[in-house]
Every structure is written in structure tokens, then in C-alpha cells.
Amino acid sequence: MNTAQASVTACDSIERAASDLFAPLMNTATNSLQGNQVKYVPAGTGPAYQSPIDKITFLITGEQTGGAFFMAEVTVLPGGGNPPHIHHREEECFYMQEGTLTVQVGGKTQTASAGDFIRLPRGLAHSFQNTGNVDAKLLLVTAPAGLEKFFEEAFYPVEDRSAATPPMTEAFFARVLAAAPKCGLEFLPPE
């Protein structure tokens, strides 16, 4: 058997190994390669969604990565942040571009600023807040993809990028609470 035949046989075996623990990961990688396309998003042009505390601009979604990951740019207003919550489906990573974000995770407080990176493992309760006096900007990467569905359902679509931040309302909060469990998010009571 030559190398090309062995490679095809290995791929065929992976595709058929539905009960194999690693089959979903391998199938995702294979699907991503099959749909391997260049993705270019000029600054400020990706689909954007906004809440009363932050704005998220999609760079690449699970639909475009075969479900492997989701990536977005997030802007958190001064004083803005998220209450304690758990991601039951995905790992979450922040790469800080501007400003300061204070992250509570695993009983510790981390203060991240431009150039800092934080990985938040799946299943670990965490919260974050912009404790600075300027917008905090970060790249968000989640793996596997899927968290983008939460933002699409719960946040307001941004049609005018210069529009004011929407107010916090009971209706918005209800949308967040309805969308969260569908996307594997669990919001915890404040401590």
C-alpha cells in the first residue's frame, strides 16, 4: 500500500468511526478542510450585535469554520461586564487589544490589558468587567463554535454603527435568559 492509499484509508476509517471519542473532532477538521475558503473581513464590516454593555462584531462563525471555532471583536464599555456565568459547551479565549478587563475566574482576579491573553476553560464559572475609563477591546475565540447563536438571538442587531448604546430593559434581560440555555450558557446568581 502506498502513502496515498494509506492516507485515504485512514480518512475513511476516521469518517466511519462514529463511536470513536475523537471522531467528532476529526470530522470537524475534515469538514473544515473541505470548505477551506479564504475569509476576509475589512475592519468594521462584520455582522455586529449590541447589548447595553457591549458590542460584538463577528469575524468568522461556526458555519464558516465547519463548527471548529467562532471569532469576534468585542468592545466592552467602561463599567460594563458580564455577571458570573458558565459555558457548558465551549472554551473561551480573550486576547486584549485595548483597555482593561478585570476577570473573576476560579476564585482569582486577573486584570488584563492590551497584549494579555486569558483562556477560560469550559465548565468554569467566570465574570468580567471593564474597570478602566476607556472602552475595552478584545478578540474573542470560542471552540467549538456555537456561541454566536446566543448573540444573534439575545443582542440587538447593529444597523447603524454610530447609534447610541441601547438601554437595559426587562425585555432585553428576558431575551438573554431565554437564549442562554439554548446555547449552553448558565447565568449564576450574583455573589
Protein backbone atom coordinates (compact mmCIF):
# COMPACT_ATOMS: atom_id res chain seq x y z
CA MET A 1 0.00 0.00 0.00
CA ASN A 2 1.46 3.37 -0.97
CA THR A 3 1.28 6.56 1.13
CA ALA A 4 -1.69 7.99 -0.79
CA GLN A 5 -3.70 4.79 -0.29
CA ALA A 6 -2.83 4.70 3.43
CA SER A 7 -3.95 8.32 3.79
CA VAL A 8 -7.29 7.64 2.07
CA THR A 9 -7.79 4.52 4.18
CA ALA A 10 -7.05 6.44 7.39
CA CYS A 11 -9.52 9.20 6.44
CA ASP A 12 -12.16 6.64 5.51
CA SER A 13 -11.66 4.92 8.87
CA ILE A 14 -11.97 8.19 10.73
CA GLU A 15 -15.17 9.09 8.90
CA ARG A 16 -16.71 5.74 9.78
CA ALA A 17 -15.63 5.73 13.43
CA ALA A 18 -18.86 7.24 14.79
CA SER A 19 -18.37 5.66 18.21
CA ASP A 20 -14.74 6.79 18.46
CA LEU A 21 -14.29 9.54 21.05
CA PHE A 22 -12.20 11.62 18.65
CA ALA A 23 -14.42 11.16 15.58
CA PRO A 24 -16.33 14.45 16.08
CA LEU A 25 -13.06 16.38 16.22
CA MET A 26 -11.65 14.64 13.17
CA ASN A 27 -14.91 15.03 11.25
CA THR A 28 -14.92 18.76 12.04
CA ALA A 29 -11.35 19.10 10.82
CA THR A 30 -12.19 17.18 7.65
CA ASN A 31 -15.31 19.29 7.04
CA SER A 32 -13.30 22.47 7.60
CA LEU A 33 -10.72 21.41 5.03
CA GLN A 34 -13.42 20.53 2.52
CA GLY A 35 -14.87 24.02 2.83
CA ASN A 36 -11.44 25.62 3.02
CA GLN A 37 -12.04 29.15 1.78
CA VAL A 38 -10.25 32.41 2.38
CA LYS A 39 -12.26 34.75 4.61
CA TYR A 40 -11.52 38.48 4.54
CA VAL A 41 -13.43 40.89 6.77
CA PRO A 42 -12.46 44.56 6.34
CA ALA A 43 -12.38 46.49 9.62
CA GLY A 44 -15.81 47.42 10.92
CA THR A 45 -17.77 45.39 8.36
CA GLY A 46 -18.64 42.07 10.04
CA PRO A 47 -22.16 41.45 11.32
CA ALA A 48 -22.49 43.27 14.65
CA TYR A 49 -24.75 42.86 17.67
CA GLN A 50 -25.08 45.09 20.71
CA SER A 51 -26.25 44.88 24.28
CA PRO A 52 -26.49 47.68 26.86
CA ILE A 53 -22.93 46.82 27.99
CA ASP A 54 -21.01 45.61 24.95
CA LYS A 55 -20.86 45.24 21.19
CA ILE A 56 -19.68 42.20 19.28
CA THR A 57 -18.56 42.15 15.65
CA PHE A 58 -18.38 38.71 14.06
CA LEU A 59 -15.18 37.91 12.19
CA ILE A 60 -15.80 34.23 11.41
CA THR A 61 -18.59 31.90 12.53
CA GLY A 62 -19.01 28.20 13.02
CA GLU A 63 -20.84 27.99 9.73
CA GLN A 64 -17.65 29.23 8.06
CA THR A 65 -15.26 27.01 10.09
CA GLY A 66 -17.15 23.73 9.95
CA GLY A 67 -18.11 24.24 13.60
CA ALA A 68 -14.48 24.34 14.76
CA PHE A 69 -14.46 27.85 16.25
CA PHE A 70 -16.06 31.30 16.37
CA MET A 71 -14.09 34.56 16.47
CA ALA A 72 -15.26 38.11 17.08
CA GLU A 73 -14.09 41.52 18.20
CA VAL A 74 -15.78 42.66 21.40
CA THR A 75 -15.98 46.18 22.79
CA VAL A 76 -16.97 46.49 26.46
CA LEU A 77 -17.98 49.95 27.66
CA PRO A 78 -16.38 51.37 30.85
CA GLY A 79 -18.21 49.86 33.82
CA GLY A 80 -19.74 47.19 31.58
CA GLY A 81 -19.31 43.49 32.04
CA ASN A 82 -21.00 40.16 32.46
CA PRO A 83 -22.29 38.56 35.66
CA PRO A 84 -20.99 35.15 36.76
CA HIS A 85 -21.76 32.51 34.14
CA ILE A 86 -20.64 29.11 32.87
CA HIS A 87 -20.09 27.96 29.29
CA HIS A 88 -21.02 24.29 29.22
CA ARG A 89 -20.14 23.76 25.54
CA GLU A 90 -17.07 25.77 24.64
CA GLU A 91 -13.67 27.01 25.72
CA GLU A 92 -13.44 30.80 25.65
CA CYS A 93 -10.31 32.87 25.00
CA PHE A 94 -9.77 36.63 25.24
CA TYR A 95 -6.88 38.49 23.63
CA MET A 96 -6.89 42.08 24.87
CA GLN A 97 -6.32 44.78 22.27
CA GLU A 98 -7.14 47.96 24.23
CA GLY A 99 -8.27 48.99 27.69
CA THR A 100 -8.57 46.93 30.86
CA LEU A 101 -10.76 43.99 31.75
CA THR A 102 -10.95 42.51 35.23
CA VAL A 103 -11.81 38.81 35.08
CA GLN A 104 -13.01 36.78 38.07
CA VAL A 105 -12.35 33.07 37.49
CA GLY A 106 -11.58 30.10 39.71
CA GLY A 107 -11.57 32.22 42.87
CA LYS A 108 -8.92 34.53 41.41
CA THR A 109 -8.97 38.01 39.93
CA GLN A 110 -6.96 38.69 36.78
CA THR A 111 -6.63 42.21 35.41
CA ALA A 112 -5.89 42.05 31.69
CA SER A 113 -4.71 44.91 29.50
CA ALA A 114 -3.53 45.30 25.89
CA GLY A 115 -1.48 42.30 24.78
CA ASP A 116 -2.70 39.99 27.56
CA PHE A 117 -4.39 36.65 26.87
CA ILE A 118 -6.85 34.70 29.04
CA ARG A 119 -8.18 31.18 28.43
CA LEU A 120 -11.40 30.30 30.24
CA PRO A 121 -11.97 26.53 30.26
CA ARG A 122 -15.40 25.09 29.64
CA GLY A 123 -17.44 24.49 32.79
CA LEU A 124 -15.63 27.07 34.93
CA ALA A 125 -17.69 29.95 36.36
CA HIS A 126 -16.36 33.38 35.48
CA SER A 127 -17.33 37.03 35.10
CA PHE A 128 -15.64 40.12 33.75
CA GLN A 129 -15.90 43.90 33.95
CA ASN A 130 -14.27 46.84 32.24
CA THR A 131 -12.72 48.56 35.24
CA GLY A 132 -10.98 51.22 33.16
CA ASN A 133 -12.23 54.56 31.88
CA VAL A 134 -11.99 53.72 28.14
CA ASP A 135 -13.60 51.03 26.01
CA ALA A 136 -12.01 47.60 26.43
CA LYS A 137 -11.48 45.85 23.09
CA LEU A 138 -10.66 42.20 22.79
CA LEU A 139 -10.63 39.35 20.35
CA LEU A 140 -12.92 36.56 21.48
CA VAL A 141 -12.38 33.00 20.28
CA THR A 142 -14.62 30.12 21.32
CA ALA A 143 -14.14 26.48 20.40
CA PRO A 144 -16.13 24.74 19.28
CA ALA A 145 -18.34 27.30 17.58
CA GLY A 146 -21.96 27.96 18.54
CA LEU A 147 -21.82 30.86 20.98
CA GLU A 148 -22.52 33.23 18.08
CA LYS A 149 -26.12 31.92 18.09
CA PHE A 150 -26.54 33.39 21.59
CA PHE A 151 -25.52 36.85 20.41
CA GLU A 152 -27.73 36.61 17.32
CA GLU A 153 -30.76 35.74 19.44
CA ALA A 154 -30.22 37.85 22.57
CA PHE A 155 -28.47 41.02 21.38
CA TYR A 156 -29.77 43.78 19.12
CA PRO A 157 -28.53 43.68 15.52
CA VAL A 158 -26.43 46.78 14.78
CA GLU A 159 -27.68 48.60 11.72
CA ASP A 160 -26.03 51.96 12.41
CA ARG A 161 -22.55 51.56 13.94
CA SER A 162 -22.66 55.12 15.29
CA ALA A 163 -26.01 54.65 17.11
CA ALA A 164 -26.21 55.04 20.88
CA THR A 165 -25.99 52.05 23.19
CA PRO A 166 -29.43 50.51 23.78
CA PRO A 167 -30.88 50.82 27.29
CA MET A 168 -31.10 47.90 29.73
CA THR A 169 -34.72 46.78 29.74
CA GLU A 170 -36.66 43.87 31.17
CA ALA A 171 -37.38 42.72 27.61
CA PHE A 172 -33.66 42.59 26.80
CA PHE A 173 -32.89 40.72 30.01
CA ALA A 174 -35.68 38.22 29.22
CA ARG A 175 -34.15 37.62 25.75
CA VAL A 176 -30.77 36.91 27.34
CA LEU A 177 -32.26 34.45 29.82
CA ALA A 178 -34.26 32.69 27.07
CA ALA A 179 -31.29 32.39 24.68
CA ALA A 180 -28.69 31.29 27.24
CA PRO A 181 -29.79 27.68 27.91
CA LYS A 182 -30.21 27.02 24.17
CA CYS A 183 -26.53 27.85 23.75
CA GLY A 184 -25.15 26.02 26.80
CA LEU A 185 -24.82 29.16 28.92
CA GLU A 186 -25.79 29.24 32.57
CA PHE A 187 -26.03 32.55 34.42
CA LEU A 188 -25.36 32.27 38.14
CA PRO A 189 -26.82 34.38 40.95
CA PRO A 190 -24.62 37.35 41.93
CA GLU A 191 -22.23 36.58 44.76
